[in-house]
N, C-alpha and C. Protein backbone atom coordinates (compact mmCIF):
# COMPACT_ATOMS: atom_id res chain seq x y z
N MET A 1 0.83 -1.18 0.00
CA MET A 1 0.00 0.00 0.00
C MET A 1 0.88 1.24 0.00
N ALA A 2 0.40 2.25 -0.65
CA ALA A 2 1.13 3.50 -0.75
C ALA A 2 0.99 4.32 0.53
N ASP A 3 1.99 5.17 0.78
CA ASP A 3 1.87 6.13 1.88
C ASP A 3 0.71 7.06 1.57
N HIS A 4 0.00 7.49 2.61
CA HIS A 4 -1.13 8.39 2.40
C HIS A 4 -1.41 9.18 3.68
N ASP A 5 -2.18 10.26 3.51
CA ASP A 5 -2.57 11.08 4.65
C ASP A 5 -3.86 10.56 5.25
N PHE A 6 -4.03 10.81 6.53
CA PHE A 6 -5.23 10.39 7.27
C PHE A 6 -5.63 11.52 8.20
N PRO A 7 -6.64 12.32 7.82
CA PRO A 7 -7.11 13.39 8.71
C PRO A 7 -8.02 12.80 9.81
N VAL A 8 -7.74 13.17 11.03
CA VAL A 8 -8.54 12.69 12.16
C VAL A 8 -9.49 13.82 12.55
N ASP A 9 -10.78 13.59 12.43
CA ASP A 9 -11.73 14.64 12.81
C ASP A 9 -12.78 14.10 13.78
N ALA A 10 -13.39 15.02 14.49
CA ALA A 10 -14.34 14.67 15.55
C ALA A 10 -15.52 13.88 15.03
N SER A 11 -16.03 14.22 13.85
CA SER A 11 -17.20 13.50 13.33
C SER A 11 -16.85 12.07 12.98
N SER A 12 -15.65 11.84 12.45
CA SER A 12 -15.23 10.47 12.14
C SER A 12 -15.07 9.65 13.42
N ILE A 13 -14.50 10.27 14.45
CA ILE A 13 -14.36 9.57 15.73
C ILE A 13 -15.73 9.23 16.30
N LEU A 14 -16.65 10.20 16.27
CA LEU A 14 -18.01 9.97 16.77
C LEU A 14 -18.69 8.83 16.03
N LEU A 15 -18.62 8.84 14.69
CA LEU A 15 -19.27 7.80 13.89
C LEU A 15 -18.64 6.43 14.13
N PHE A 16 -17.31 6.39 14.25
CA PHE A 16 -16.62 5.14 14.51
C PHE A 16 -17.03 4.58 15.88
N ALA A 17 -17.01 5.43 16.90
CA ALA A 17 -17.40 5.00 18.25
C ALA A 17 -18.86 4.54 18.26
N SER A 18 -19.72 5.25 17.56
CA SER A 18 -21.13 4.89 17.48
C SER A 18 -21.31 3.52 16.81
N ALA A 19 -20.55 3.27 15.74
CA ALA A 19 -20.64 1.98 15.04
C ALA A 19 -20.22 0.83 15.95
N LEU A 20 -19.33 1.12 16.90
CA LEU A 20 -18.90 0.09 17.86
C LEU A 20 -19.88 -0.07 19.02
N GLY A 21 -20.85 0.85 19.12
CA GLY A 21 -21.76 0.83 20.27
C GLY A 21 -21.12 1.43 21.51
N GLU A 22 -20.06 2.19 21.31
CA GLU A 22 -19.30 2.78 22.42
C GLU A 22 -20.04 3.99 22.97
N THR A 23 -20.19 4.05 24.28
CA THR A 23 -20.92 5.15 24.92
C THR A 23 -20.04 6.02 25.82
N ASN A 24 -18.75 5.74 25.89
CA ASN A 24 -17.84 6.52 26.74
C ASN A 24 -17.76 7.94 26.19
N PRO A 25 -18.07 8.96 27.01
CA PRO A 25 -18.04 10.35 26.53
C PRO A 25 -16.66 10.85 26.13
N ILE A 26 -15.60 10.14 26.44
CA ILE A 26 -14.25 10.55 26.02
C ILE A 26 -14.13 10.60 24.51
N TYR A 27 -15.05 9.89 23.81
CA TYR A 27 -15.00 9.83 22.35
C TYR A 27 -15.85 10.88 21.66
N TYR A 28 -16.66 11.65 22.42
CA TYR A 28 -17.53 12.62 21.73
C TYR A 28 -17.85 13.89 22.50
N ASP A 29 -17.66 13.91 23.81
CA ASP A 29 -18.08 15.06 24.63
C ASP A 29 -16.85 15.88 25.04
N GLU A 30 -16.62 16.98 24.32
CA GLU A 30 -15.43 17.79 24.57
C GLU A 30 -15.41 18.37 25.98
N GLU A 31 -16.56 18.80 26.50
CA GLU A 31 -16.63 19.36 27.86
C GLU A 31 -16.19 18.32 28.89
N TYR A 32 -16.67 17.11 28.75
CA TYR A 32 -16.27 16.02 29.65
C TYR A 32 -14.79 15.71 29.46
N ALA A 33 -14.38 15.53 28.19
CA ALA A 33 -13.03 15.05 27.87
C ALA A 33 -11.93 16.04 28.27
N LYS A 34 -12.21 17.34 28.24
CA LYS A 34 -11.16 18.31 28.56
C LYS A 34 -10.72 18.22 30.02
N ASP A 35 -11.56 17.67 30.88
CA ASP A 35 -11.21 17.54 32.30
C ASP A 35 -10.56 16.20 32.64
N THR A 36 -10.29 15.38 31.62
CA THR A 36 -9.62 14.10 31.85
C THR A 36 -8.11 14.27 31.69
N PRO A 37 -7.32 13.31 32.13
CA PRO A 37 -5.86 13.40 31.93
C PRO A 37 -5.46 13.49 30.45
N LEU A 38 -6.34 13.08 29.53
CA LEU A 38 -6.02 13.13 28.10
C LEU A 38 -6.28 14.51 27.51
N GLY A 39 -7.00 15.37 28.23
CA GLY A 39 -7.17 16.76 27.83
C GLY A 39 -8.15 17.04 26.70
N GLY A 40 -8.85 16.06 26.23
CA GLY A 40 -9.82 16.28 25.15
C GLY A 40 -10.30 14.97 24.57
N VAL A 41 -11.17 15.10 23.59
CA VAL A 41 -11.72 13.93 22.91
C VAL A 41 -10.57 13.15 22.28
N ILE A 42 -10.66 11.84 22.37
CA ILE A 42 -9.68 10.95 21.73
C ILE A 42 -10.43 9.95 20.85
N ALA A 43 -9.70 9.25 20.02
CA ALA A 43 -10.26 8.21 19.17
C ALA A 43 -10.23 6.87 19.90
N PRO A 44 -11.20 5.98 19.62
CA PRO A 44 -11.17 4.63 20.20
C PRO A 44 -9.90 3.88 19.78
N PRO A 45 -9.50 2.88 20.54
CA PRO A 45 -8.24 2.18 20.28
C PRO A 45 -8.07 1.59 18.88
N THR A 46 -9.14 1.12 18.27
CA THR A 46 -9.01 0.51 16.94
C THR A 46 -9.26 1.50 15.80
N PHE A 47 -9.45 2.77 16.10
CA PHE A 47 -9.76 3.79 15.10
C PHE A 47 -8.77 3.86 13.94
N PRO A 48 -7.47 3.66 14.14
CA PRO A 48 -6.54 3.79 13.01
C PRO A 48 -6.86 2.88 11.82
N ILE A 49 -7.63 1.83 12.02
CA ILE A 49 -7.98 0.95 10.91
C ILE A 49 -8.76 1.72 9.85
N ALA A 50 -9.45 2.79 10.25
CA ALA A 50 -10.23 3.60 9.31
C ALA A 50 -9.34 4.32 8.30
N ALA A 51 -8.05 4.42 8.56
CA ALA A 51 -7.13 5.10 7.64
C ALA A 51 -7.09 4.42 6.28
N ALA A 52 -7.40 3.14 6.23
CA ALA A 52 -7.37 2.42 4.95
C ALA A 52 -8.28 3.08 3.92
N HIS A 53 -9.39 3.64 4.37
CA HIS A 53 -10.33 4.26 3.44
C HIS A 53 -9.82 5.57 2.85
N TRP A 54 -8.73 6.10 3.40
CA TRP A 54 -8.09 7.29 2.85
C TRP A 54 -6.98 6.92 1.87
N ASN A 55 -6.65 5.63 1.79
CA ASN A 55 -5.61 5.16 0.89
C ASN A 55 -6.20 4.94 -0.50
N PRO A 56 -5.77 5.69 -1.51
CA PRO A 56 -6.37 5.55 -2.83
C PRO A 56 -6.15 4.18 -3.48
N THR A 57 -5.22 3.38 -2.98
CA THR A 57 -4.98 2.05 -3.56
C THR A 57 -5.70 0.93 -2.80
N TYR A 58 -6.44 1.27 -1.75
CA TYR A 58 -7.12 0.25 -0.95
C TYR A 58 -8.26 -0.36 -1.76
N SER A 59 -8.22 -1.67 -1.95
CA SER A 59 -9.14 -2.33 -2.87
C SER A 59 -10.59 -2.38 -2.37
N LEU A 60 -10.81 -2.20 -1.09
CA LEU A 60 -12.18 -2.23 -0.56
C LEU A 60 -12.75 -0.83 -0.36
N ARG A 61 -12.09 0.18 -0.92
CA ARG A 61 -12.53 1.57 -0.79
C ARG A 61 -13.57 1.90 -1.87
N GLY A 62 -14.60 2.60 -1.48
CA GLY A 62 -15.56 3.12 -2.45
C GLY A 62 -16.50 2.08 -3.02
N VAL A 63 -17.01 2.39 -4.19
CA VAL A 63 -18.00 1.53 -4.85
C VAL A 63 -17.32 0.30 -5.42
N ARG A 64 -17.94 -0.85 -5.19
CA ARG A 64 -17.41 -2.09 -5.70
C ARG A 64 -18.25 -2.58 -6.87
N GLU A 65 -17.60 -3.25 -7.78
CA GLU A 65 -18.29 -3.78 -8.94
C GLU A 65 -19.11 -5.01 -8.56
N ILE A 66 -20.37 -5.03 -8.99
CA ILE A 66 -21.25 -6.18 -8.73
C ILE A 66 -21.78 -6.65 -10.08
N PRO A 67 -21.59 -7.88 -10.48
CA PRO A 67 -20.86 -8.90 -9.72
C PRO A 67 -19.36 -8.61 -9.70
N ALA A 68 -18.70 -9.13 -8.68
CA ALA A 68 -17.27 -8.89 -8.51
C ALA A 68 -16.49 -9.57 -9.63
N LYS A 69 -15.33 -8.99 -9.92
CA LYS A 69 -14.42 -9.62 -10.88
C LYS A 69 -13.89 -10.91 -10.26
N PRO A 70 -13.46 -11.87 -11.08
CA PRO A 70 -12.90 -13.11 -10.52
C PRO A 70 -11.68 -12.81 -9.66
N PRO A 71 -11.49 -13.57 -8.56
CA PRO A 71 -10.34 -13.31 -7.69
C PRO A 71 -9.03 -13.64 -8.39
N ARG A 72 -7.98 -12.89 -8.00
CA ARG A 72 -6.64 -13.14 -8.51
C ARG A 72 -5.83 -13.80 -7.41
N GLU A 73 -4.66 -14.27 -7.77
CA GLU A 73 -3.77 -14.86 -6.77
C GLU A 73 -3.34 -13.80 -5.76
N ALA A 74 -2.99 -14.23 -4.56
CA ALA A 74 -2.56 -13.30 -3.51
C ALA A 74 -1.36 -12.49 -3.99
N THR A 75 -1.36 -11.19 -3.66
CA THR A 75 -0.28 -10.30 -4.05
C THR A 75 0.30 -9.63 -2.82
N GLU A 76 1.48 -9.06 -2.99
CA GLU A 76 2.16 -8.37 -1.89
C GLU A 76 1.35 -7.16 -1.46
N GLY A 77 1.37 -6.86 -0.18
CA GLY A 77 0.76 -5.64 0.32
C GLY A 77 -0.44 -5.87 1.21
N GLY A 78 -1.03 -7.04 1.15
CA GLY A 78 -2.16 -7.33 2.04
C GLY A 78 -3.34 -6.42 1.79
N GLY A 79 -4.22 -6.32 2.77
CA GLY A 79 -5.37 -5.45 2.69
C GLY A 79 -6.37 -5.85 1.62
N GLY A 80 -6.34 -7.09 1.18
CA GLY A 80 -7.27 -7.54 0.16
C GLY A 80 -6.88 -7.06 -1.22
N GLY A 81 -5.71 -6.48 -1.39
CA GLY A 81 -5.29 -5.92 -2.66
C GLY A 81 -5.01 -6.97 -3.71
N GLY A 82 -6.04 -7.53 -4.32
CA GLY A 82 -5.87 -8.50 -5.39
C GLY A 82 -5.78 -9.93 -4.91
N ALA A 83 -5.85 -10.18 -3.62
CA ALA A 83 -5.75 -11.54 -3.11
C ALA A 83 -7.02 -12.32 -3.38
N ASP A 84 -6.86 -13.64 -3.57
CA ASP A 84 -8.01 -14.53 -3.67
C ASP A 84 -8.61 -14.62 -2.27
N LEU A 85 -9.66 -13.86 -2.03
CA LEU A 85 -10.19 -13.73 -0.67
C LEU A 85 -10.80 -15.00 -0.13
N THR A 86 -10.97 -16.03 -0.95
CA THR A 86 -11.46 -17.31 -0.44
C THR A 86 -10.37 -18.04 0.33
N ARG A 87 -9.12 -17.57 0.20
CA ARG A 87 -8.01 -18.22 0.89
C ARG A 87 -7.31 -17.29 1.89
N VAL A 88 -7.87 -16.11 2.13
CA VAL A 88 -7.22 -15.13 3.00
C VAL A 88 -7.98 -15.00 4.31
N LEU A 89 -7.25 -15.02 5.41
CA LEU A 89 -7.82 -14.83 6.75
C LEU A 89 -7.12 -13.67 7.42
N HIS A 90 -7.89 -12.89 8.16
CA HIS A 90 -7.29 -11.85 9.00
C HIS A 90 -6.96 -12.52 10.32
N GLY A 91 -5.68 -12.67 10.61
CA GLY A 91 -5.25 -13.44 11.77
C GLY A 91 -5.12 -12.65 13.06
N GLU A 92 -4.70 -11.41 12.96
CA GLU A 92 -4.43 -10.64 14.18
C GLU A 92 -4.29 -9.17 13.82
N GLN A 93 -4.60 -8.32 14.80
CA GLN A 93 -4.40 -6.87 14.65
C GLN A 93 -3.95 -6.32 15.99
N ARG A 94 -2.84 -5.59 16.01
CA ARG A 94 -2.34 -4.96 17.24
C ARG A 94 -2.12 -3.48 16.99
N PHE A 95 -2.43 -2.66 18.01
CA PHE A 95 -2.19 -1.23 17.94
C PHE A 95 -1.33 -0.84 19.13
N GLU A 96 -0.22 -0.18 18.86
CA GLU A 96 0.64 0.34 19.93
C GLU A 96 0.59 1.86 19.84
N TYR A 97 0.06 2.48 20.89
CA TYR A 97 -0.08 3.94 20.92
C TYR A 97 1.14 4.56 21.56
N HIS A 98 1.69 5.55 20.88
CA HIS A 98 2.81 6.32 21.41
C HIS A 98 2.31 7.64 22.00
N LYS A 99 1.15 8.09 21.50
CA LYS A 99 0.42 9.22 22.09
C LYS A 99 -1.02 9.14 21.58
N PRO A 100 -1.96 9.79 22.28
CA PRO A 100 -3.38 9.68 21.90
C PRO A 100 -3.69 10.34 20.55
N LEU A 101 -4.73 9.83 19.91
CA LEU A 101 -5.25 10.43 18.68
C LEU A 101 -6.34 11.42 19.05
N HIS A 102 -6.15 12.67 18.67
CA HIS A 102 -7.12 13.72 18.94
C HIS A 102 -7.67 14.27 17.63
N PRO A 103 -8.91 14.78 17.65
CA PRO A 103 -9.44 15.45 16.46
C PRO A 103 -8.51 16.59 16.05
N GLY A 104 -8.38 16.77 14.75
CA GLY A 104 -7.52 17.83 14.23
C GLY A 104 -6.15 17.35 13.80
N MET A 105 -5.76 16.16 14.24
CA MET A 105 -4.47 15.64 13.81
C MET A 105 -4.53 15.25 12.34
N LYS A 106 -3.45 15.48 11.63
CA LYS A 106 -3.31 15.01 10.26
C LYS A 106 -2.13 14.05 10.28
N LEU A 107 -2.42 12.79 10.05
CA LEU A 107 -1.39 11.76 10.14
C LEU A 107 -0.92 11.34 8.76
N ARG A 108 0.33 10.96 8.68
CA ARG A 108 0.89 10.35 7.47
C ARG A 108 1.08 8.88 7.79
N VAL A 109 0.48 8.02 6.96
CA VAL A 109 0.54 6.58 7.19
C VAL A 109 1.50 5.95 6.20
N SER A 110 2.47 5.21 6.71
CA SER A 110 3.39 4.46 5.84
C SER A 110 3.30 3.00 6.22
N ASN A 111 3.45 2.16 5.23
CA ASN A 111 3.32 0.71 5.43
C ASN A 111 4.59 0.01 5.00
N ARG A 112 4.90 -1.05 5.72
CA ARG A 112 6.05 -1.87 5.35
C ARG A 112 5.77 -3.31 5.75
N PRO A 113 6.39 -4.24 5.07
CA PRO A 113 6.20 -5.64 5.47
C PRO A 113 6.94 -5.93 6.78
N GLY A 114 6.40 -6.87 7.52
CA GLY A 114 7.04 -7.34 8.75
C GLY A 114 7.54 -8.76 8.54
N LYS A 115 7.43 -9.58 9.55
CA LYS A 115 7.90 -10.96 9.49
C LYS A 115 6.96 -11.81 8.64
N THR A 116 7.50 -12.89 8.10
CA THR A 116 6.68 -13.91 7.43
C THR A 116 7.10 -15.27 7.97
N TRP A 117 6.16 -16.18 8.03
CA TRP A 117 6.44 -17.55 8.46
C TRP A 117 5.33 -18.44 7.93
N ASP A 118 5.55 -19.75 8.00
CA ASP A 118 4.51 -20.66 7.56
C ASP A 118 4.40 -21.81 8.54
N LYS A 119 3.29 -22.52 8.43
CA LYS A 119 3.08 -23.71 9.23
C LYS A 119 2.08 -24.59 8.50
N GLU A 120 2.11 -25.85 8.78
CA GLU A 120 1.22 -26.79 8.10
C GLU A 120 -0.17 -26.70 8.72
N GLY A 121 -1.17 -26.54 7.86
CA GLY A 121 -2.56 -26.49 8.32
C GLY A 121 -3.20 -27.86 8.26
N LYS A 122 -4.42 -27.96 8.77
CA LYS A 122 -5.13 -29.24 8.78
C LYS A 122 -5.99 -29.44 7.54
N ARG A 123 -6.66 -28.36 7.06
CA ARG A 123 -7.59 -28.54 5.94
C ARG A 123 -7.25 -27.70 4.72
N GLY A 124 -6.44 -26.68 4.87
CA GLY A 124 -6.13 -25.79 3.75
C GLY A 124 -4.70 -25.89 3.28
N GLY A 125 -4.00 -26.98 3.66
CA GLY A 125 -2.59 -27.10 3.29
C GLY A 125 -1.73 -26.16 4.11
N LYS A 126 -0.60 -25.79 3.54
CA LYS A 126 0.33 -24.89 4.23
C LYS A 126 -0.31 -23.52 4.43
N LEU A 127 -0.06 -22.92 5.58
CA LEU A 127 -0.55 -21.58 5.92
C LEU A 127 0.63 -20.62 5.88
N LEU A 128 0.49 -19.55 5.08
CA LEU A 128 1.53 -18.53 5.01
C LEU A 128 1.07 -17.32 5.81
N PHE A 129 1.83 -16.98 6.85
CA PHE A 129 1.55 -15.84 7.71
C PHE A 129 2.44 -14.68 7.28
N SER A 130 1.87 -13.47 7.19
CA SER A 130 2.69 -12.30 6.87
C SER A 130 2.18 -11.09 7.63
N GLU A 131 3.12 -10.36 8.21
CA GLU A 131 2.81 -9.13 8.93
C GLU A 131 2.87 -7.93 7.98
N SER A 132 2.00 -6.98 8.23
CA SER A 132 2.04 -5.69 7.57
C SER A 132 2.07 -4.66 8.70
N ILE A 133 3.05 -3.79 8.68
CA ILE A 133 3.22 -2.81 9.74
C ILE A 133 2.92 -1.42 9.19
N SER A 134 2.01 -0.72 9.85
CA SER A 134 1.65 0.64 9.47
C SER A 134 2.09 1.58 10.57
N GLU A 135 2.79 2.65 10.18
CA GLU A 135 3.21 3.67 11.13
C GLU A 135 2.45 4.96 10.83
N TYR A 136 1.87 5.53 11.87
CA TYR A 136 1.08 6.76 11.77
C TYR A 136 1.88 7.86 12.44
N ARG A 137 2.28 8.86 11.65
CA ARG A 137 3.09 9.97 12.17
C ARG A 137 2.33 11.27 12.04
N ASP A 138 2.53 12.15 13.04
CA ASP A 138 1.87 13.46 13.01
C ASP A 138 2.64 14.41 12.10
N GLU A 139 2.15 15.65 12.01
CA GLU A 139 2.76 16.62 11.09
C GLU A 139 4.20 16.97 11.46
N ALA A 140 4.58 16.73 12.72
CA ALA A 140 5.97 16.96 13.14
C ALA A 140 6.85 15.75 12.86
N GLY A 141 6.24 14.68 12.33
CA GLY A 141 6.99 13.46 12.03
C GLY A 141 7.11 12.51 13.21
N GLU A 142 6.45 12.84 14.33
CA GLU A 142 6.53 11.98 15.51
C GLU A 142 5.58 10.80 15.38
N LEU A 143 6.04 9.65 15.81
CA LEU A 143 5.26 8.43 15.75
C LEU A 143 4.11 8.49 16.74
N VAL A 144 2.88 8.29 16.26
CA VAL A 144 1.68 8.34 17.10
C VAL A 144 1.17 6.93 17.37
N VAL A 145 1.06 6.11 16.33
CA VAL A 145 0.54 4.74 16.46
C VAL A 145 1.34 3.83 15.54
N THR A 146 1.60 2.62 16.02
CA THR A 146 2.13 1.55 15.18
C THR A 146 1.09 0.44 15.17
N ALA A 147 0.64 0.07 13.98
CA ALA A 147 -0.35 -1.00 13.85
C ALA A 147 0.28 -2.18 13.12
N THR A 148 0.07 -3.36 13.65
CA THR A 148 0.59 -4.58 13.03
C THR A 148 -0.58 -5.49 12.73
N SER A 149 -0.68 -5.89 11.47
CA SER A 149 -1.74 -6.78 11.01
C SER A 149 -1.09 -8.07 10.54
N VAL A 150 -1.71 -9.20 10.86
CA VAL A 150 -1.22 -10.49 10.38
C VAL A 150 -2.26 -11.08 9.44
N GLN A 151 -1.83 -11.36 8.22
CA GLN A 151 -2.66 -11.98 7.22
C GLN A 151 -2.24 -13.43 7.07
N ILE A 152 -3.20 -14.33 6.89
CA ILE A 152 -2.92 -15.74 6.68
C ILE A 152 -3.50 -16.12 5.32
N VAL A 153 -2.67 -16.72 4.47
CA VAL A 153 -3.14 -17.21 3.18
C VAL A 153 -2.98 -18.71 3.18
N THR A 154 -4.07 -19.41 2.87
CA THR A 154 -4.01 -20.88 2.79
C THR A 154 -3.48 -21.31 1.44
N GLU A 155 -2.80 -22.44 1.42
CA GLU A 155 -2.23 -22.97 0.18
C GLU A 155 -3.33 -23.32 -0.83
N LYS A 156 -4.45 -23.80 -0.31
CA LYS A 156 -5.57 -24.17 -1.17
C LYS A 156 -6.86 -23.85 -0.45
N ALA A 157 -7.94 -23.83 -1.19
CA ALA A 157 -9.25 -23.59 -0.56
C ALA A 157 -9.55 -24.71 0.43
N VAL A 158 -10.15 -24.34 1.54
CA VAL A 158 -10.51 -25.32 2.56
C VAL A 158 -11.65 -26.18 2.03
N GLU A 159 -11.48 -27.47 2.18
CA GLU A 159 -12.53 -28.40 1.74
C GLU A 159 -13.30 -28.89 2.95
N ASP A 160 -14.61 -29.03 2.79
CA ASP A 160 -15.45 -29.53 3.89
C ASP A 160 -15.25 -30.98 4.16
């Protein structure tokens, strides 16, 4: 995935928190939030995942063609970018915060591959695990969040 900008705004935080069913006022009530140790509204812990929709190369962004085009073989970069989604599993997602996400921040997101490994599966053949690491930096270039995603691709479609 290409580097891209990710604007963090209060309405996006509110909508994200609402979609999660989150009722903590730290995510939407500025009067409440300003008196907390965080000093204002913050984004929920998994909010950085929404940055994918700001990436112009993200394959699940925007309007999708129906019926879908036939799947292609898995490609580098993860995020469903051309992978045969019948063989792709989202294995894990971790977020490490270096400082809170506040409305008004404009983050630059860069992605890089992490570790890869494999192991023998029971029904889908060999399982290929690959990490994708995204770093979210503020306008001063300081690291705000590091997100690590693990994708699993099966060697073959799972048979019943």
